[in-house]
Amino acid sequence: MASPNKADLDVLRDLLEAEKVRPAVQRRYELSEIADALRHMGEGHAQGKLVVTV
């Protein structure tokens, strides 16, 4: 279980701002496609993060 602290979050922020770390986004879905996103994830096909745009 993660136990974030300020020092670790500061390092993570610096890495993200320097674009040295990028999240693995597999696919973006519109809010109207939420059923498709949940089905994709539930079937075990997701290999990265799924993003729902509101």
N, C-alpha and C. Protein backbone atom coordinates (compact mmCIF):
# COMPACT_ATOMS: atom_id res chain seq x y z
N MET A 1 0.84 -1.16 0.00
CA MET A 1 0.00 0.00 0.00
C MET A 1 0.90 1.24 0.00
N ALA A 2 0.56 2.17 -0.84
CA ALA A 2 1.35 3.40 -0.95
C ALA A 2 1.14 4.28 0.29
N SER A 3 2.20 4.93 0.68
CA SER A 3 2.15 5.88 1.78
C SER A 3 2.85 7.16 1.33
N PRO A 4 2.17 7.98 0.51
CA PRO A 4 2.83 9.17 -0.05
C PRO A 4 3.22 10.17 1.03
N ASN A 5 4.32 10.84 0.77
CA ASN A 5 4.75 11.90 1.67
C ASN A 5 5.18 13.09 0.81
N LYS A 6 5.36 14.23 1.43
CA LYS A 6 5.65 15.45 0.69
C LYS A 6 6.93 15.35 -0.14
N ALA A 7 7.96 14.78 0.42
CA ALA A 7 9.24 14.68 -0.32
C ALA A 7 9.08 13.84 -1.59
N ASP A 8 8.41 12.70 -1.47
CA ASP A 8 8.20 11.85 -2.64
C ASP A 8 7.32 12.53 -3.68
N LEU A 9 6.27 13.20 -3.23
CA LEU A 9 5.38 13.90 -4.16
C LEU A 9 6.10 15.05 -4.85
N ASP A 10 7.01 15.72 -4.15
CA ASP A 10 7.79 16.79 -4.77
C ASP A 10 8.68 16.23 -5.89
N VAL A 11 9.30 15.08 -5.64
CA VAL A 11 10.16 14.45 -6.65
C VAL A 11 9.30 14.05 -7.86
N LEU A 12 8.15 13.45 -7.60
CA LEU A 12 7.26 13.05 -8.69
C LEU A 12 6.81 14.26 -9.50
N ARG A 13 6.44 15.34 -8.83
CA ARG A 13 6.05 16.57 -9.53
C ARG A 13 7.17 17.07 -10.42
N ASP A 14 8.39 17.10 -9.89
CA ASP A 14 9.53 17.56 -10.68
C ASP A 14 9.75 16.69 -11.91
N LEU A 15 9.63 15.38 -11.76
CA LEU A 15 9.79 14.47 -12.90
C LEU A 15 8.70 14.70 -13.96
N LEU A 16 7.47 14.87 -13.50
CA LEU A 16 6.36 15.13 -14.44
C LEU A 16 6.54 16.46 -15.16
N GLU A 17 6.92 17.49 -14.43
CA GLU A 17 7.12 18.80 -15.05
C GLU A 17 8.27 18.79 -16.04
N ALA A 18 9.29 17.98 -15.78
CA ALA A 18 10.44 17.88 -16.69
C ALA A 18 10.15 16.90 -17.84
N GLU A 19 8.95 16.34 -17.85
CA GLU A 19 8.52 15.36 -18.87
C GLU A 19 9.44 14.15 -18.94
N LYS A 20 9.97 13.75 -17.78
CA LYS A 20 10.80 12.56 -17.70
C LYS A 20 9.96 11.32 -17.38
N VAL A 21 8.74 11.56 -16.95
CA VAL A 21 7.80 10.49 -16.64
C VAL A 21 6.48 10.83 -17.30
N ARG A 22 5.90 9.85 -17.98
CA ARG A 22 4.60 10.06 -18.62
C ARG A 22 3.69 8.90 -18.27
N PRO A 23 2.44 9.18 -17.96
CA PRO A 23 1.51 8.09 -17.66
C PRO A 23 1.23 7.28 -18.93
N ALA A 24 0.99 6.00 -18.76
CA ALA A 24 0.68 5.12 -19.90
C ALA A 24 -0.82 5.15 -20.16
N VAL A 25 -1.24 6.04 -21.06
CA VAL A 25 -2.66 6.14 -21.41
C VAL A 25 -2.89 5.31 -22.65
N GLN A 26 -3.70 4.27 -22.50
CA GLN A 26 -3.98 3.40 -23.63
C GLN A 26 -5.02 4.01 -24.56
N ARG A 27 -6.08 4.57 -23.98
CA ARG A 27 -7.15 5.09 -24.81
C ARG A 27 -7.95 6.13 -24.06
N ARG A 28 -8.50 7.07 -24.81
CA ARG A 28 -9.38 8.09 -24.25
C ARG A 28 -10.80 7.82 -24.73
N TYR A 29 -11.75 7.99 -23.83
CA TYR A 29 -13.16 7.80 -24.13
C TYR A 29 -13.92 9.08 -23.81
N GLU A 30 -14.94 9.36 -24.57
CA GLU A 30 -15.87 10.43 -24.23
C GLU A 30 -16.80 9.91 -23.14
N LEU A 31 -17.42 10.80 -22.40
CA LEU A 31 -18.32 10.38 -21.33
C LEU A 31 -19.45 9.51 -21.89
N SER A 32 -19.87 9.79 -23.09
CA SER A 32 -20.95 9.01 -23.71
C SER A 32 -20.52 7.57 -24.03
N GLU A 33 -19.21 7.31 -23.99
CA GLU A 33 -18.67 5.98 -24.28
C GLU A 33 -18.26 5.23 -23.02
N ILE A 34 -18.75 5.67 -21.87
CA ILE A 34 -18.32 5.08 -20.60
C ILE A 34 -18.60 3.58 -20.53
N ALA A 35 -19.71 3.14 -21.11
CA ALA A 35 -20.02 1.71 -21.11
C ALA A 35 -18.95 0.92 -21.86
N ASP A 36 -18.48 1.45 -22.98
CA ASP A 36 -17.41 0.79 -23.74
C ASP A 36 -16.12 0.74 -22.93
N ALA A 37 -15.81 1.83 -22.23
CA ALA A 37 -14.59 1.89 -21.42
C ALA A 37 -14.64 0.85 -20.30
N LEU A 38 -15.77 0.76 -19.62
CA LEU A 38 -15.90 -0.20 -18.53
C LEU A 38 -15.87 -1.64 -19.04
N ARG A 39 -16.47 -1.87 -20.19
CA ARG A 39 -16.45 -3.20 -20.78
C ARG A 39 -15.00 -3.59 -21.15
N HIS A 40 -14.28 -2.66 -21.76
CA HIS A 40 -12.89 -2.90 -22.15
C HIS A 40 -12.05 -3.26 -20.93
N MET A 41 -12.23 -2.49 -19.86
CA MET A 41 -11.47 -2.73 -18.64
C MET A 41 -11.90 -4.05 -17.99
N GLY A 42 -13.20 -4.30 -17.93
CA GLY A 42 -13.72 -5.50 -17.29
C GLY A 42 -13.32 -6.78 -17.99
N GLU A 43 -13.09 -6.71 -19.29
CA GLU A 43 -12.68 -7.89 -20.04
C GLU A 43 -11.18 -8.15 -19.94
N GLY A 44 -10.47 -7.29 -19.22
CA GLY A 44 -9.04 -7.48 -19.01
C GLY A 44 -8.17 -7.03 -20.16
N HIS A 45 -8.72 -6.21 -21.06
CA HIS A 45 -7.96 -5.76 -22.21
C HIS A 45 -7.10 -4.53 -21.94
N ALA A 46 -7.38 -3.80 -20.87
CA ALA A 46 -6.66 -2.55 -20.59
C ALA A 46 -5.21 -2.85 -20.21
N GLN A 47 -4.28 -2.23 -20.95
CA GLN A 47 -2.86 -2.41 -20.65
C GLN A 47 -2.23 -1.10 -20.20
N GLY A 48 -3.02 -0.06 -20.18
CA GLY A 48 -2.60 1.25 -19.70
C GLY A 48 -3.81 1.89 -19.06
N LYS A 49 -3.71 3.14 -18.76
CA LYS A 49 -4.83 3.85 -18.16
C LYS A 49 -5.86 4.18 -19.21
N LEU A 50 -7.12 4.15 -18.81
CA LEU A 50 -8.21 4.58 -19.66
C LEU A 50 -8.67 5.93 -19.13
N VAL A 51 -8.81 6.90 -20.01
CA VAL A 51 -9.18 8.25 -19.62
C VAL A 51 -10.56 8.54 -20.15
N VAL A 52 -11.44 9.06 -19.28
CA VAL A 52 -12.78 9.46 -19.68
C VAL A 52 -12.83 10.98 -19.66
N THR A 53 -13.14 11.54 -20.83
CA THR A 53 -13.22 13.00 -20.96
C THR A 53 -14.64 13.46 -20.63
N VAL A 54 -14.74 14.39 -19.69
CA VAL A 54 -16.05 14.91 -19.29
C VAL A 54 -16.32 16.21 -19.97
